[in-house]
Amino acid sequence: MENLEITAKTVEQAIEKAEGQLGIGRDQFDVVVVREGKTGILGVGSEEALIQVKPLTPKEKDVVEVATEVLDTLLRLMGVTGSVEVLSEEVPIALNIEGDDLSILIGRRGRTLASLEYIVKLIVAGKLKTWLPLSVDIAEYKKRRRESLQRLALHIAEQVKLRRHAITLEPMPPGERRILHLTLADNPDVTTHSIDEGENRKVVISLRQI
């Protein structure tokens, strides 16, 4: 985020104004005083104070600790036994849950997992007052699903080439459709596009027009 300029009668008032605009405390942003305020004489020559503020970005270590704690707490509240492991401590932070019979956390087409990840992001963002890339996986489901979708995309592409007509796949969430599009983006023989709306949105693989 770029520096935010705030003006007020005094530096302290400008800082208070910044807290209100940013919705965070003084200890969560840096302040550079560009100009001290002047009262002037009988209002003549008065000048408002000017400061520049910039929210502090949490250290990656702090994000990992908070995210792990949040995920552990959510699992406990849901009565699910599982251990949280850190796959990546660099942005994007990646967490993975391991345990027995965690399918309840994945849900149909990974929708429950997507909801869990979103809730963790919201809570972490609320605690750290910033939004950072964060991924939650379960027994590396996302990795296995991505590889499966990539194989599916290549297989369907071959079928389209052989049959010489387009093939429409079943409805998929946005993230999964994106994997299909990316897998075939540079394919010289076929192209992809999505049709329908909402939960019925699906990918069509068709012959590339020459």
Protein backbone atom coordinates (compact mmCIF):
# COMPACT_ATOMS: atom_id res chain seq x y z
CA MET A 1 0.00 0.00 0.00
CA GLU A 2 1.30 3.50 -0.91
CA ASN A 3 1.84 6.14 1.75
CA LEU A 4 -1.37 7.88 2.82
CA GLU A 5 -1.17 11.62 3.38
CA ILE A 6 -3.17 13.05 6.30
CA THR A 7 -3.62 16.68 7.28
CA ALA A 8 -4.91 18.14 10.57
CA LYS A 9 -4.24 21.06 12.90
CA THR A 10 -1.54 19.13 14.78
CA VAL A 11 0.55 16.01 14.21
CA GLU A 12 -1.25 14.20 17.02
CA GLN A 13 -4.64 15.00 15.53
CA ALA A 14 -3.39 13.80 12.13
CA ILE A 15 -2.28 10.50 13.70
CA GLU A 16 -5.68 10.08 15.35
CA LYS A 17 -7.32 10.81 12.01
CA ALA A 18 -5.10 8.15 10.36
CA GLU A 19 -6.14 5.58 12.97
CA GLY A 20 -9.78 6.24 12.14
CA GLN A 21 -9.30 6.07 8.38
CA LEU A 22 -7.17 2.91 8.47
CA GLY A 23 -9.10 1.23 11.27
CA ILE A 24 -5.89 0.18 13.03
CA GLY A 25 -3.87 1.32 16.03
CA ARG A 26 -0.84 3.64 16.07
CA ASP A 27 1.52 0.69 16.59
CA GLN A 28 0.42 -0.82 13.28
CA PHE A 29 1.60 1.92 10.91
CA ASP A 30 4.70 4.04 10.31
CA VAL A 31 4.46 7.84 10.49
CA VAL A 32 6.61 10.38 8.66
CA VAL A 33 6.03 14.00 9.66
CA VAL A 34 6.23 16.05 6.47
CA ARG A 35 5.16 19.33 8.05
CA GLU A 36 4.51 20.50 11.59
CA GLY A 37 1.34 22.50 12.09
CA LYS A 38 1.48 26.27 12.69
CA THR A 39 -1.15 28.26 14.55
CA GLY A 40 -0.12 31.62 13.10
CA ILE A 41 -1.09 34.98 14.57
CA LEU A 42 -4.83 35.67 14.74
CA GLY A 43 -5.26 32.92 12.16
CA VAL A 44 -2.86 34.56 9.71
CA GLY A 45 -0.06 32.32 8.49
CA SER A 46 -1.55 29.18 10.04
CA GLU A 47 -0.64 25.90 8.38
CA GLU A 48 -1.98 22.40 8.96
CA ALA A 49 0.27 19.54 9.91
CA LEU A 50 0.95 16.98 7.19
CA ILE A 51 1.99 13.38 7.80
CA GLN A 52 2.49 10.31 5.66
CA VAL A 53 1.42 6.94 7.07
CA LYS A 54 1.92 3.42 5.83
CA PRO A 55 0.51 0.25 7.45
CA LEU A 56 3.16 -2.18 8.68
CA THR A 57 3.29 -5.50 6.88
CA PRO A 58 3.33 -8.41 9.34
CA LYS A 59 6.41 -10.61 9.32
CA GLU A 60 5.86 -13.91 7.55
CA LYS A 61 6.74 -15.74 10.77
CA ASP A 62 3.93 -13.91 12.56
CA VAL A 63 1.45 -14.83 9.80
CA VAL A 64 2.44 -18.50 10.02
CA GLU A 65 2.04 -18.55 13.81
CA VAL A 66 -1.34 -16.81 13.76
CA ALA A 67 -2.69 -18.88 10.86
CA THR A 68 -1.58 -22.14 12.48
CA GLU A 69 -3.18 -21.15 15.77
CA VAL A 70 -6.44 -20.16 14.04
CA LEU A 71 -6.61 -23.41 12.08
CA ASP A 72 -5.85 -25.50 15.18
CA THR A 73 -8.62 -23.70 17.06
CA LEU A 74 -11.16 -24.22 14.27
CA LEU A 75 -10.36 -27.95 14.09
CA ARG A 76 -10.81 -28.26 17.85
CA LEU A 77 -14.14 -26.41 17.77
CA MET A 78 -15.38 -28.66 14.96
CA GLY A 79 -14.33 -31.75 16.88
CA VAL A 80 -11.96 -32.84 14.13
CA THR A 81 -8.68 -34.56 15.00
CA GLY A 82 -5.85 -33.43 12.75
CA SER A 83 -2.40 -31.89 12.86
CA VAL A 84 -1.48 -28.69 11.06
CA GLU A 85 1.83 -28.61 9.21
CA VAL A 86 3.48 -25.69 7.44
CA LEU A 87 4.33 -26.37 3.79
CA SER A 88 5.63 -22.88 3.08
CA GLU A 89 6.64 -20.06 5.44
CA GLU A 90 7.02 -17.62 2.56
CA VAL A 91 4.18 -15.76 0.85
CA PRO A 92 1.89 -17.33 -0.16
CA ILE A 93 1.81 -19.11 3.22
CA ALA A 94 0.75 -22.74 2.76
CA LEU A 95 -0.71 -24.94 5.52
CA ASN A 96 -1.72 -28.59 5.29
CA ILE A 97 -3.88 -30.68 7.64
CA GLU A 98 -2.98 -34.35 8.15
CA GLY A 99 -5.07 -36.95 9.95
CA ASP A 100 -7.44 -39.89 9.57
CA ASP A 101 -10.70 -39.55 7.62
CA LEU A 102 -10.60 -35.83 6.89
CA SER A 103 -12.94 -36.08 3.92
CA ILE A 104 -15.59 -34.17 5.88
CA LEU A 105 -13.33 -31.11 5.66
CA ILE A 106 -12.94 -31.43 1.89
CA GLY A 107 -16.57 -31.75 0.84
CA ARG A 108 -17.97 -32.22 -2.65
CA ARG A 109 -15.54 -30.87 -5.23
CA GLY A 110 -13.53 -29.29 -2.40
CA ARG A 111 -16.23 -26.75 -1.52
CA THR A 112 -15.96 -27.31 2.25
CA LEU A 113 -12.19 -26.92 2.05
CA ALA A 114 -12.61 -23.68 0.09
CA SER A 115 -14.95 -22.34 2.79
CA LEU A 116 -12.54 -23.36 5.57
CA GLU A 117 -9.66 -21.61 3.81
CA TYR A 118 -11.74 -18.44 3.39
CA ILE A 119 -12.71 -18.40 7.08
CA VAL A 120 -9.06 -18.81 8.11
CA LYS A 121 -8.08 -15.93 5.81
CA LEU A 122 -10.76 -13.69 7.28
CA ILE A 123 -9.76 -14.39 10.89
CA VAL A 124 -6.03 -13.99 10.19
CA ALA A 125 -6.67 -10.74 8.31
CA GLY A 126 -8.73 -9.49 11.25
CA LYS A 127 -5.97 -10.29 13.72
CA LEU A 128 -3.11 -8.86 11.65
CA LYS A 129 -5.09 -6.01 10.06
CA THR A 130 -3.93 -6.96 6.58
CA TRP A 131 -4.82 -9.46 3.84
CA LEU A 132 -2.04 -11.82 2.76
CA PRO A 133 -2.05 -14.82 0.39
CA LEU A 134 -2.78 -17.94 2.44
CA SER A 135 -3.50 -21.49 1.30
CA VAL A 136 -5.04 -24.33 3.34
CA ASP A 137 -4.90 -27.91 2.09
CA ILE A 138 -5.96 -31.29 3.51
CA ALA A 139 -3.71 -34.32 3.01
CA GLU A 140 -2.44 -32.47 -0.10
CA TYR A 141 -5.89 -32.82 -1.70
CA LYS A 142 -5.37 -29.69 -3.83
CA LYS A 143 -2.11 -31.02 -5.25
CA ARG A 144 -3.67 -34.37 -6.13
CA ARG A 145 -6.79 -32.70 -7.55
CA ARG A 146 -4.70 -30.32 -9.66
CA GLU A 147 -2.70 -33.18 -11.14
CA SER A 148 -5.91 -35.11 -11.82
CA LEU A 149 -7.47 -32.13 -13.61
CA GLN A 150 -4.35 -31.59 -15.69
CA ARG A 151 -4.48 -35.22 -16.84
CA LEU A 152 -8.20 -34.85 -17.55
CA ALA A 153 -7.63 -31.73 -19.63
CA LEU A 154 -4.98 -33.43 -21.77
CA HIS A 155 -7.15 -36.54 -22.22
CA ILE A 156 -10.22 -34.55 -23.28
CA ALA A 157 -8.08 -32.49 -25.64
CA GLU A 158 -7.03 -35.69 -27.41
CA GLN A 159 -10.67 -36.81 -27.60
CA VAL A 160 -11.66 -33.48 -29.15
CA LYS A 161 -8.93 -33.86 -31.78
CA LEU A 162 -10.05 -37.40 -32.61
CA ARG A 163 -13.81 -36.73 -32.68
CA ARG A 164 -13.48 -33.30 -34.30
CA HIS A 165 -16.11 -31.72 -32.08
CA ALA A 166 -16.26 -29.87 -28.78
CA ILE A 167 -16.68 -31.60 -25.41
CA THR A 168 -18.35 -29.95 -22.41
CA LEU A 169 -17.18 -30.99 -18.96
CA GLU A 170 -19.22 -31.14 -15.74
CA PRO A 171 -19.69 -27.95 -13.67
CA MET A 172 -16.63 -27.01 -11.61
CA PRO A 173 -15.68 -24.27 -9.13
CA PRO A 174 -13.61 -21.32 -10.46
CA GLY A 175 -10.26 -22.63 -9.22
CA GLU A 176 -10.66 -25.96 -10.98
CA ARG A 177 -11.84 -24.36 -14.24
CA ARG A 178 -8.77 -22.16 -14.13
CA ILE A 179 -6.50 -25.24 -13.97
CA LEU A 180 -8.12 -26.62 -17.13
CA HIS A 181 -7.76 -23.30 -18.96
CA LEU A 182 -4.09 -22.94 -17.97
CA THR A 183 -3.24 -26.54 -18.86
CA LEU A 184 -4.48 -26.10 -22.43
CA ALA A 185 -3.63 -22.42 -22.89
CA ASP A 186 -0.71 -23.16 -25.22
CA ASN A 187 -2.19 -26.25 -26.86
CA PRO A 188 -1.94 -25.77 -30.65
CA ASP A 189 -4.98 -27.91 -31.45
CA VAL A 190 -7.69 -26.98 -28.95
CA THR A 191 -9.01 -23.97 -27.06
CA THR A 192 -11.17 -23.57 -23.95
CA HIS A 193 -13.95 -21.31 -22.72
CA SER A 194 -16.56 -21.36 -19.94
CA ILE A 195 -20.35 -21.34 -20.30
CA ASP A 196 -23.40 -20.98 -18.00
CA GLU A 197 -23.50 -19.13 -14.68
CA GLY A 198 -22.89 -19.71 -10.97
CA GLU A 199 -22.54 -23.31 -9.80
CA ASN A 200 -23.48 -24.56 -13.29
CA ARG A 201 -20.51 -22.87 -14.95
CA LYS A 202 -18.46 -25.40 -16.91
CA VAL A 203 -15.55 -25.63 -19.32
CA VAL A 204 -15.91 -26.38 -23.03
CA ILE A 205 -12.91 -27.75 -24.91
CA SER A 206 -13.14 -27.28 -28.67
CA LEU A 207 -10.98 -27.39 -31.79
CA ARG A 208 -8.86 -24.31 -32.32
CA GLN A 209 -9.96 -22.36 -35.37
CA ILE A 210 -7.20 -21.98 -37.93
